[in-house]
Amino acid sequence: MNGFDLIVIGGGPGGYVAALEAAKLGKTVAVVERDAVGGTCLNRGCIPTKALLRASRVFREATCSEELGIHVQNASCDRAAMYAHVQKVMAQLRSGIELLFQKGNITLLHGSAQIEAPGRVLVDGTPYEAQNLLIATGSLPAMPPIPGIHLPGVVTSDQLLQGDGVDCKRLAIIGGGVIGVEFAQIYSDLGCAVTILEALPRLLPTMDREISQNLSMILKKRGVSVYTGASVQEIASGDGELLCRFSQKGSDLETAADCLLVCTGRRPNTEGLFAASFDFPMERGYIPVDEQYRTQIPGVYAVGDVVSGGIQLAHAAEAEAKNAVHAMFGGAPVKNVSAIPACIFTEPEIASVGLTADAAKAEGRKVTVRKSLTSANGKAVVEGAERGFAKLVFDADTDVLLGAQLMCPHASEMIGGLTASVNAGLTAEQLSQTIFPHPTVSEILSL
């Protein structure tokens, strides 16, 4: 029998970080992965989309730089070559993870895992045992029950990043969340006609309302058609194109596309994970855990997208993974997970942490909001920022920072410091003592 201190099921951010953390503690570790290490983030999410965003941004800047005195003639875009570059980036990062596994003496088991009982896993039929099991199998794109959803040309983000629809000239997107707006940015920058259909009243419905409004205006200015409050009725095909029929404000409308991206949410990746004889408690496919990431089965833990009520972000899974490993081996948490930042890599970038003013008020708090505009920031103006701002939300009674919302260049880099400030419970007076370098976009945080 093959025995370990820990078997991790899933080689994504939660899984490989947990394995490396346990190896640092001197534990024997195996990771089971049926696909490529790195999970959704590296192979079908964060990394490939950011690589495409960089490529599409360079193309847009090359073709729209006259105001800078730069004229590029006959600029063209080879999308197949772009996607080949993305594959190179992914391969480099995968090899880096595998090298870390080798240095940490972590056993990588390629295959499909099935949990037979606490501490016992089959990997393609071969049994393995461990003192602890950690489930980090992540999530998959969810497909809503729309007639025509399985027609050729209707794709998920996974398929789009693998090259399906790479040459489309008209892209329709069902879903105006993070994935939807980032792909809208990519394909509109490449000169595609892009349409977003969002069922809720605004794009990015979980973000600050002003961020949603500003992003909608910016996308429309760049030629993206945005329909909110749109209910998709069906998808049909004909004459070499897809027709997406929807209703909005009582009117029946349709949009034509070469490719239709569906990004309306994700579902837990737990199908087939447990043997039929193993009655494992779940909630609609998600796994409930306690504050130490323990499931209801002794010795079995879970982190990341698969957790019931969890935050589906790679860095959240990584933090949870470290805390779970320390919990299972008798240690204290090493990460503060009370404030998890979120970033969206449109242009301008968007980042948020903690409470928005609306969320704080819904909790019955009185708040003070400090807002600065990028239009008055030298570096942001130099970089051509559009409609940007920073909001800092303070408790009106204690002056403690409750949250921050940024829409500006480099927002994703700046939110880390604000996360530390929220975690530390810093006040407006303490933050006002900070000196920000000039000229930087970070000066908009100066109080």
Protein backbone atom coordinates (compact mmCIF):
# COMPACT_ATOMS: atom_id res chain seq x y z
CA MET A 1 0.00 0.00 0.00
CA ASN A 2 1.24 3.50 -0.88
CA GLY A 3 1.08 5.68 2.25
CA PHE A 4 1.51 9.44 2.80
CA ASP A 5 0.92 12.03 5.50
CA LEU A 6 -1.22 13.96 3.03
CA ILE A 7 -2.82 13.27 -0.32
CA VAL A 8 -4.02 16.37 -2.16
CA ILE A 9 -6.65 15.87 -4.85
CA GLY A 10 -6.26 18.62 -7.43
CA GLY A 11 -3.12 20.38 -8.63
CA GLY A 12 -4.48 23.92 -8.91
CA PRO A 13 -3.57 26.91 -6.70
CA GLY A 14 -5.19 25.42 -3.60
CA GLY A 15 -3.75 21.98 -4.24
CA TYR A 16 -0.16 22.71 -5.14
CA VAL A 17 0.22 25.41 -2.47
CA ALA A 18 -1.08 22.97 0.16
CA ALA A 19 1.37 20.32 -1.03
CA LEU A 20 4.33 22.72 -0.90
CA GLU A 21 3.31 23.96 2.57
CA ALA A 22 3.03 20.42 3.92
CA ALA A 23 6.39 19.51 2.39
CA LYS A 24 7.96 22.49 4.20
CA LEU A 25 6.67 20.96 7.43
CA GLY A 26 8.52 17.74 6.61
CA LYS A 27 5.44 15.75 5.64
CA THR A 28 5.21 13.12 2.92
CA VAL A 29 2.85 14.40 0.24
CA ALA A 30 1.22 13.23 -2.97
CA VAL A 31 -0.79 15.34 -5.41
CA VAL A 32 -3.34 13.71 -7.71
CA GLU A 33 -4.02 15.59 -10.94
CA ARG A 34 -5.77 14.17 -14.00
CA ASP A 35 -4.93 17.09 -16.27
CA ALA A 36 -2.05 19.58 -16.02
CA VAL A 37 -0.73 21.08 -12.80
CA GLY A 38 -1.79 24.66 -12.19
CA GLY A 39 -5.52 24.01 -12.38
CA THR A 40 -8.02 26.40 -13.91
CA CYS A 41 -6.03 29.49 -12.93
CA LEU A 42 -2.91 28.59 -14.87
CA ASN A 43 -4.40 26.59 -17.73
CA ARG A 44 -7.93 27.91 -18.33
CA GLY A 45 -8.31 31.16 -16.39
CA CYS A 46 -6.14 33.81 -14.77
CA ILE A 47 -2.86 33.33 -16.62
CA PRO A 48 -4.04 32.79 -20.22
CA THR A 49 -6.56 35.64 -20.01
CA LYS A 50 -3.88 38.02 -18.69
CA ALA A 51 -1.53 36.97 -21.46
CA LEU A 52 -4.27 37.66 -24.02
CA LEU A 53 -5.12 40.96 -22.35
CA ARG A 54 -1.51 42.04 -22.70
CA ALA A 55 -1.40 41.07 -26.39
CA SER A 56 -4.72 42.73 -27.21
CA ARG A 57 -3.71 45.89 -25.32
CA VAL A 58 -0.46 46.15 -27.31
CA PHE A 59 -2.44 45.82 -30.55
CA ARG A 60 -4.94 48.49 -29.53
CA GLU A 61 -2.16 50.86 -28.47
CA ALA A 62 -0.35 50.25 -31.76
CA THR A 63 -3.44 51.18 -33.75
CA CYS A 64 -4.71 54.01 -31.53
CA SER A 65 -1.59 56.00 -30.68
CA GLU A 66 -1.87 58.99 -32.98
CA GLU A 67 -2.37 61.39 -30.07
CA LEU A 68 1.09 60.37 -28.85
CA GLY A 69 2.59 61.21 -32.24
CA ILE A 70 3.04 57.53 -33.06
CA HIS A 71 1.71 56.26 -36.39
CA VAL A 72 1.72 52.54 -37.08
CA GLN A 73 0.78 51.57 -40.61
CA ASN A 74 -0.68 48.22 -41.61
CA ALA A 75 -0.71 46.82 -38.09
CA SER A 76 -2.12 43.30 -38.06
CA CYS A 77 -2.98 40.67 -35.53
CA ASP A 78 -2.19 36.96 -35.87
CA ARG A 79 -4.53 35.45 -33.31
CA ALA A 80 -3.20 31.94 -33.79
CA ALA A 81 0.28 33.23 -32.92
CA MET A 82 -1.17 35.05 -29.91
CA TYR A 83 -2.67 31.82 -28.62
CA ALA A 84 0.63 30.01 -29.27
CA HIS A 85 2.36 32.61 -27.08
CA VAL A 86 -0.22 31.98 -24.37
CA GLN A 87 0.57 28.26 -24.50
CA LYS A 88 4.28 29.02 -24.07
CA VAL A 89 3.60 31.10 -20.97
CA MET A 90 1.45 28.37 -19.48
CA ALA A 91 4.02 25.66 -20.22
CA GLN A 92 6.76 27.70 -18.54
CA LEU A 93 4.71 28.16 -15.38
CA ARG A 94 3.64 24.50 -15.28
CA SER A 95 7.25 23.38 -15.47
CA GLY A 96 8.03 25.74 -12.57
CA ILE A 97 5.40 24.06 -10.38
CA GLU A 98 6.65 20.60 -11.31
CA LEU A 99 10.21 21.66 -10.42
CA LEU A 100 9.01 22.84 -7.00
CA PHE A 101 7.35 19.45 -6.53
CA GLN A 102 10.66 17.74 -7.29
CA LYS A 103 12.57 19.93 -4.85
CA GLY A 104 9.98 19.25 -2.16
CA ASN A 105 9.97 15.47 -2.81
CA ILE A 106 6.25 15.69 -3.61
CA THR A 107 4.85 12.74 -5.51
CA LEU A 108 2.76 13.75 -8.53
CA LEU A 109 0.19 11.12 -9.44
CA HIS A 110 -1.31 11.62 -12.89
CA GLY A 111 -4.82 10.22 -13.02
CA SER A 112 -8.38 10.48 -11.75
CA ALA A 113 -8.91 10.20 -8.02
CA GLN A 114 -11.83 8.57 -6.29
CA ILE A 115 -12.16 8.63 -2.52
CA GLU A 116 -13.25 5.23 -1.24
CA ALA A 117 -13.15 6.01 2.48
CA PRO A 118 -11.41 8.39 4.91
CA GLY A 119 -7.70 8.20 4.16
CA ARG A 120 -8.10 5.92 1.13
CA VAL A 121 -7.96 7.04 -2.51
CA LEU A 122 -7.97 5.16 -5.79
CA VAL A 123 -5.97 6.76 -8.62
CA ASP A 124 -6.95 5.10 -11.86
CA GLY A 125 -7.61 1.95 -9.83
CA THR A 126 -4.41 1.99 -7.78
CA PRO A 127 -5.01 2.38 -4.01
CA TYR A 128 -3.20 4.98 -1.89
CA GLU A 129 -3.58 5.83 1.78
CA ALA A 130 -2.87 8.94 3.82
CA GLN A 131 -3.36 10.32 7.30
CA ASN A 132 -5.17 13.30 5.74
CA LEU A 133 -6.93 14.05 2.48
CA LEU A 134 -7.34 17.54 1.05
CA ILE A 135 -9.92 18.09 -1.68
CA ALA A 136 -8.97 20.98 -3.99
CA THR A 137 -10.71 19.96 -7.21
CA GLY A 138 -11.94 23.45 -8.09
CA SER A 139 -14.85 24.28 -10.36
CA LEU A 140 -16.06 24.06 -13.94
CA PRO A 141 -18.04 26.46 -16.16
CA ALA A 142 -21.79 26.13 -15.59
CA MET A 143 -24.11 26.00 -18.60
CA PRO A 144 -27.59 27.47 -18.05
CA PRO A 145 -30.64 25.63 -19.47
CA ILE A 146 -31.03 27.79 -22.59
CA PRO A 147 -32.38 26.17 -25.76
CA GLY A 148 -29.52 25.88 -28.25
CA ILE A 149 -26.80 26.15 -25.59
CA HIS A 150 -24.97 23.11 -27.05
CA LEU A 151 -24.88 24.31 -30.66
CA PRO A 152 -21.50 24.43 -32.42
CA GLY A 153 -19.90 27.81 -31.81
CA VAL A 154 -21.33 28.18 -28.31
CA VAL A 155 -18.32 27.96 -25.98
CA THR A 156 -17.24 28.31 -22.38
CA SER A 157 -14.21 30.30 -21.26
CA ASP A 158 -12.28 27.00 -21.17
CA GLN A 159 -12.96 26.37 -24.84
CA LEU A 160 -12.33 29.96 -25.88
CA LEU A 161 -8.94 29.91 -24.19
CA GLN A 162 -8.11 26.66 -25.95
CA GLY A 163 -8.62 28.39 -29.29
CA ASP A 164 -12.25 27.70 -30.18
CA GLY A 165 -13.62 30.81 -31.86
CA VAL A 166 -10.18 32.35 -32.12
CA ASP A 167 -10.90 33.86 -35.54
CA CYS A 168 -14.42 35.15 -34.85
CA LYS A 169 -15.24 38.68 -35.94
CA ARG A 170 -18.45 38.95 -33.89
CA LEU A 171 -18.51 37.72 -30.29
CA ALA A 172 -21.63 37.62 -28.14
CA ILE A 173 -21.13 37.12 -24.41
CA ILE A 174 -23.83 35.84 -22.07
CA GLY A 175 -22.79 37.08 -18.64
CA GLY A 176 -21.41 40.46 -17.57
CA GLY A 177 -19.30 39.31 -14.65
CA VAL A 178 -15.51 39.24 -14.39
CA ILE A 179 -14.97 36.68 -17.16
CA GLY A 180 -17.41 38.40 -19.49
CA VAL A 181 -15.95 41.89 -19.22
CA GLU A 182 -12.35 40.68 -19.52
CA PHE A 183 -13.13 38.81 -22.75
CA ALA A 184 -15.07 41.84 -23.97
CA GLN A 185 -11.89 43.87 -23.40
CA ILE A 186 -9.73 41.35 -25.24
CA TYR A 187 -11.89 40.88 -28.31
CA SER A 188 -12.94 44.51 -28.70
CA ASP A 189 -9.26 45.53 -28.54
CA LEU A 190 -8.64 43.06 -31.39
CA GLY A 191 -11.30 44.77 -33.51
CA CYS A 192 -14.19 42.36 -32.98
CA ALA A 193 -17.79 43.44 -32.69
CA VAL A 194 -18.66 42.46 -29.10
CA THR A 195 -22.06 42.26 -27.42
CA ILE A 196 -22.57 41.60 -23.69
CA LEU A 197 -25.90 40.28 -22.38
CA GLU A 198 -26.25 40.50 -18.58
CA ALA A 199 -29.40 39.34 -16.80
CA LEU A 200 -28.96 41.64 -13.79
CA PRO A 201 -29.43 45.43 -13.91
CA ARG A 202 -25.72 46.18 -14.25
CA LEU A 203 -22.35 44.73 -15.19
CA LEU A 204 -20.20 43.39 -12.34
CA PRO A 205 -23.20 43.23 -10.00
CA THR A 206 -21.11 42.31 -6.95
CA MET A 207 -18.82 45.33 -7.29
CA ASP A 208 -19.27 48.96 -6.28
CA ARG A 209 -22.12 50.49 -8.27
CA GLU A 210 -20.03 53.36 -9.64
CA ILE A 211 -17.42 50.90 -10.94
CA SER A 212 -20.15 49.08 -12.85
CA GLN A 213 -21.51 52.31 -14.33
CA ASN A 214 -18.09 53.59 -15.35
CA LEU A 215 -17.02 50.32 -16.95
CA SER A 216 -20.26 50.15 -18.93
CA MET A 217 -19.64 53.65 -20.28
CA ILE A 218 -16.02 52.86 -21.18
CA LEU A 219 -16.93 49.64 -22.99
CA LYS A 220 -19.70 51.37 -24.94
CA LYS A 221 -17.27 54.13 -25.91
CA ARG A 222 -14.98 51.44 -27.32
CA GLY A 223 -17.80 50.01 -29.41
CA VAL A 224 -19.05 47.20 -27.17
CA SER A 225 -22.83 46.76 -27.14
CA VAL A 226 -24.01 46.29 -23.55
CA TYR A 227 -27.48 45.02 -22.66
CA THR A 228 -28.31 44.73 -18.96
CA GLY A 229 -31.53 43.32 -17.62
CA ALA A 230 -31.40 40.99 -20.62
CA SER A 231 -33.10 37.59 -20.46
CA VAL A 232 -31.75 35.16 -23.07
CA GLN A 233 -34.57 33.08 -24.56
CA GLU A 234 -32.77 30.86 -27.05
CA ILE A 235 -29.77 30.38 -29.30
CA ALA A 236 -30.34 29.43 -32.94
CA SER A 237 -28.09 28.83 -35.91
CA GLY A 238 -28.54 29.67 -39.56
CA ASP A 239 -26.63 30.98 -42.58
CA GLY A 240 -23.29 30.31 -40.90
CA GLU A 241 -24.00 32.40 -37.83
CA LEU A 242 -25.46 32.14 -34.35
CA LEU A 243 -28.52 34.13 -33.35
CA CYS A 244 -28.97 34.89 -29.67
CA ARG A 245 -32.54 35.92 -28.94
CA PHE A 246 -33.27 37.83 -25.75
CA SER A 247 -35.79 40.15 -24.15
CA GLN A 248 -35.08 43.48 -22.49
CA LYS A 249 -37.59 45.92 -21.03
CA GLY A 250 -40.47 44.10 -22.70
CA SER A 251 -38.89 44.07 -26.16
CA ASP A 252 -37.79 40.96 -28.06
CA LEU A 253 -34.32 41.43 -29.55
CA GLU A 254 -31.60 39.35 -31.15
CA THR A 255 -27.89 39.64 -31.86
CA ALA A 256 -25.87 37.73 -34.45
CA ALA A 257 -22.44 36.32 -33.75
CA ASP A 258 -19.77 33.98 -35.11
CA CYS A 259 -19.04 32.73 -31.59
CA LEU A 260 -21.06 32.89 -28.39
CA LEU A 261 -19.32 32.79 -25.00
CA VAL A 262 -21.33 31.58 -22.02
CA CYS A 263 -19.92 32.73 -18.68
CA THR A 264 -22.81 32.73 -16.24
CA GLY A 265 -21.08 31.11 -13.27
CA ARG A 266 -19.22 27.98 -12.22
CA ARG A 267 -20.13 24.68 -10.59
CA PRO A 268 -18.14 22.47 -8.20
CA ASN A 269 -15.92 19.84 -9.76
CA THR A 270 -16.97 16.90 -7.59
CA GLU A 271 -18.71 14.56 -10.04
CA GLY A 272 -17.31 11.04 -9.62
CA LEU A 273 -15.00 12.10 -6.80
CA PHE A 274 -16.55 9.76 -4.23
CA ALA A 275 -17.13 6.05 -4.54
CA ALA A 276 -20.78 5.00 -4.62
CA SER A 277 -20.27 3.17 -1.32
CA PHE A 278 -18.90 6.31 0.39
CA ASP A 279 -21.73 8.53 1.65
CA PHE A 280 -20.01 11.92 1.67
CA PRO A 281 -22.09 14.95 2.79
CA MET A 282 -22.37 17.68 0.15
CA GLU A 283 -24.59 20.67 -0.65
CA ARG A 284 -25.59 20.79 -4.35
CA GLY A 285 -22.17 19.38 -5.22
CA TYR A 286 -20.27 21.77 -2.94
CA ILE A 287 -18.47 20.58 0.20
CA PRO A 288 -19.32 22.19 3.55
CA VAL A 289 -16.37 22.84 5.88
CA ASP A 290 -15.76 24.48 9.25
CA GLU A 291 -13.38 27.38 10.02
CA GLN A 292 -10.42 24.97 9.85
CA TYR A 293 -11.54 23.59 6.46
CA ARG A 294 -12.51 20.24 7.99
CA THR A 295 -15.36 18.40 6.33
CA GLN A 296 -17.82 16.33 8.31
CA ILE A 297 -15.61 13.27 7.67
CA PRO A 298 -12.56 13.05 10.02
CA GLY A 299 -9.24 13.51 8.25
CA VAL A 300 -10.82 14.98 5.09
CA TYR A 301 -10.39 18.70 4.34
CA ALA A 302 -11.46 20.91 1.44
CA VAL A 303 -10.41 24.33 0.10
CA GLY A 304 -11.02 26.63 -2.86
CA ASP A 305 -13.85 26.75 -5.36
CA VAL A 306 -15.28 23.42 -4.24
CA VAL A 307 -16.11 24.72 -0.75
CA SER A 308 -19.72 25.60 0.01
CA GLY A 309 -20.12 29.36 0.34
CA GLY A 310 -16.47 29.98 -0.52
CA ILE A 311 -14.82 32.70 -2.57
CA GLN A 312 -13.86 31.47 -6.03
CA LEU A 313 -10.49 33.18 -6.36
CA ALA A 314 -7.08 31.57 -6.78
CA HIS A 315 -5.42 33.60 -4.02
CA ALA A 316 -8.26 32.77 -1.65
CA ALA A 317 -7.70 29.05 -2.33
CA GLU A 318 -3.97 29.47 -1.68
CA ALA A 319 -4.56 31.16 1.67
CA GLU A 320 -7.13 28.55 2.68
CA ALA A 321 -4.73 25.79 1.65
CA LYS A 322 -1.98 27.05 3.94
CA ASN A 323 -4.36 27.40 6.87
CA ALA A 324 -5.84 23.94 6.23
CA VAL A 325 -2.41 22.31 6.20
CA HIS A 326 -1.44 23.93 9.49
CA ALA A 327 -4.79 22.96 11.00
CA MET A 328 -4.48 19.29 10.04
CA PHE A 329 -0.99 19.07 11.55
CA GLY A 330 -1.80 20.93 14.75
CA GLY A 331 -0.69 24.44 13.85
CA ALA A 332 -2.32 27.88 13.97
CA PRO A 333 -3.60 29.75 10.89
CA VAL A 334 -0.91 31.60 8.96
CA LYS A 335 -3.18 33.71 6.73
CA ASN A 336 -5.84 36.26 7.64
CA VAL A 337 -8.77 35.44 5.37
CA SER A 338 -11.17 38.07 6.72
CA ALA A 339 -10.40 40.45 3.84
CA ILE A 340 -9.86 38.92 0.39
CA PRO A 341 -9.02 41.34 -2.44
CA ALA A 342 -10.56 40.93 -5.89
CA CYS A 343 -9.17 42.24 -9.17
CA ILE A 344 -10.51 42.66 -12.69
CA PHE A 345 -8.00 43.24 -15.47
CA THR A 346 -9.93 45.51 -17.78
CA GLU A 347 -8.51 48.88 -18.72
CA PRO A 348 -8.54 50.65 -16.39
CA GLU A 349 -7.98 47.89 -13.87
CA ILE A 350 -10.50 47.34 -11.09
CA ALA A 351 -9.72 46.16 -7.58
CA SER A 352 -11.71 45.93 -4.36
CA VAL A 353 -11.31 44.72 -0.80
CA GLY A 354 -13.53 44.78 2.26
CA LEU A 355 -16.87 46.54 2.34
CA THR A 356 -18.36 48.94 -0.17
CA ALA A 357 -20.31 51.89 1.21
CA ASP A 358 -23.60 50.20 0.26
CA ALA A 359 -22.61 46.92 1.94
CA ALA A 360 -21.50 48.72 5.10
CA LYS A 361 -24.78 50.64 5.27
CA ALA A 362 -26.70 47.39 4.78
CA GLU A 363 -24.96 46.14 7.93
CA GLY A 364 -26.22 49.20 9.80
CA ARG A 365 -22.89 51.03 9.84
CA LYS A 366 -22.43 54.75 9.34
CA VAL A 367 -19.64 55.42 6.88
CA THR A 368 -17.43 58.18 5.56
CA VAL A 369 -16.23 57.83 1.96
CA ARG A 370 -13.06 59.54 0.69
CA LYS A 371 -12.95 59.65 -3.08
CA SER A 372 -10.16 60.76 -5.45
CA LEU A 373 -10.31 60.99 -9.25
CA THR A 374 -7.60 59.93 -11.68
CA SER A 375 -8.33 63.06 -13.74
CA ALA A 376 -6.33 65.01 -11.14
CA ASN A 377 -3.47 62.49 -10.97
CA GLY A 378 -0.43 63.25 -13.12
CA LYS A 379 0.68 59.66 -13.77
CA ALA A 380 -2.86 58.50 -14.59
CA VAL A 381 -3.30 61.36 -17.08
CA VAL A 382 0.07 60.51 -18.68
CA GLU A 383 -1.08 56.89 -19.06
CA GLY A 384 -4.36 57.95 -20.67
CA ALA A 385 -6.61 56.66 -17.90
CA GLU A 386 -10.36 56.89 -18.46
CA ARG A 387 -12.98 57.69 -15.81
CA GLY A 388 -10.93 56.37 -12.90
CA PHE A 389 -11.17 56.86 -9.16
CA ALA A 390 -10.34 55.46 -5.75
CA LYS A 391 -12.80 55.16 -2.87
CA LEU A 392 -11.82 54.53 0.72
CA VAL A 393 -14.69 53.57 3.01
CA PHE A 394 -14.26 54.38 6.73
CA ASP A 395 -16.43 53.64 9.73
CA ALA A 396 -17.87 57.03 10.68
CA ASP A 397 -17.66 56.28 14.41
CA THR A 398 -14.18 54.72 14.67
CA ASP A 399 -12.54 56.13 11.50
CA VAL A 400 -11.27 52.60 10.76
CA LEU A 401 -10.83 51.60 7.11
CA LEU A 402 -13.59 49.15 6.16
CA GLY A 403 -12.89 48.75 2.47
CA ALA A 404 -11.48 50.19 -0.73
CA GLN A 405 -12.59 50.25 -4.36
CA LEU A 406 -10.20 51.25 -7.12
CA MET A 407 -10.72 51.83 -10.82
CA CYS A 408 -7.42 53.09 -12.17
CA PRO A 409 -4.14 52.01 -13.75
CA HIS A 410 -2.24 49.50 -11.57
CA ALA A 411 -5.24 48.97 -9.26
CA SER A 412 -4.35 45.28 -8.93
CA GLU A 413 -0.90 46.18 -7.57
CA MET A 414 -2.22 48.84 -5.18
CA ILE A 415 -4.96 46.77 -3.55
CA GLY A 416 -2.47 44.62 -1.63
CA GLY A 417 -1.42 47.51 0.61
CA LEU A 418 -5.03 48.43 1.24
CA THR A 419 -5.81 44.83 2.16
CA ALA A 420 -3.05 44.98 4.75
CA SER A 421 -4.55 48.25 6.02
CA VAL A 422 -8.03 46.71 6.36
CA ASN A 423 -6.60 43.69 8.16
CA ALA A 424 -4.63 45.93 10.51
CA GLY A 425 -7.66 48.10 11.27
CA LEU A 426 -5.84 51.29 10.31
CA THR A 427 -7.64 54.60 10.74
CA ALA A 428 -7.85 57.54 8.35
CA GLU A 429 -5.40 59.44 10.55
CA GLN A 430 -2.86 56.63 10.38
CA LEU A 431 -3.24 56.33 6.61
CA SER A 432 -2.89 60.10 6.22
CA GLN A 433 0.66 59.84 7.60
CA THR A 434 1.74 57.74 4.62
CA ILE A 435 3.84 59.43 1.93
CA PHE A 436 3.20 58.18 -1.61
CA PRO A 437 5.88 58.67 -4.29
CA HIS A 438 5.37 61.17 -7.10
CA PRO A 439 4.44 60.77 -9.87
CA THR A 440 2.51 57.56 -9.28
CA VAL A 441 -1.11 56.53 -9.50
CA SER A 442 -0.88 55.52 -5.83
CA GLU A 443 -1.03 59.22 -4.92
CA ILE A 444 -4.81 59.04 -5.30
CA LEU A 445 -4.78 57.19 -1.97
CA SER A 446 -3.20 60.14 -0.19
CA LEU A 447 -5.54 61.62 2.45
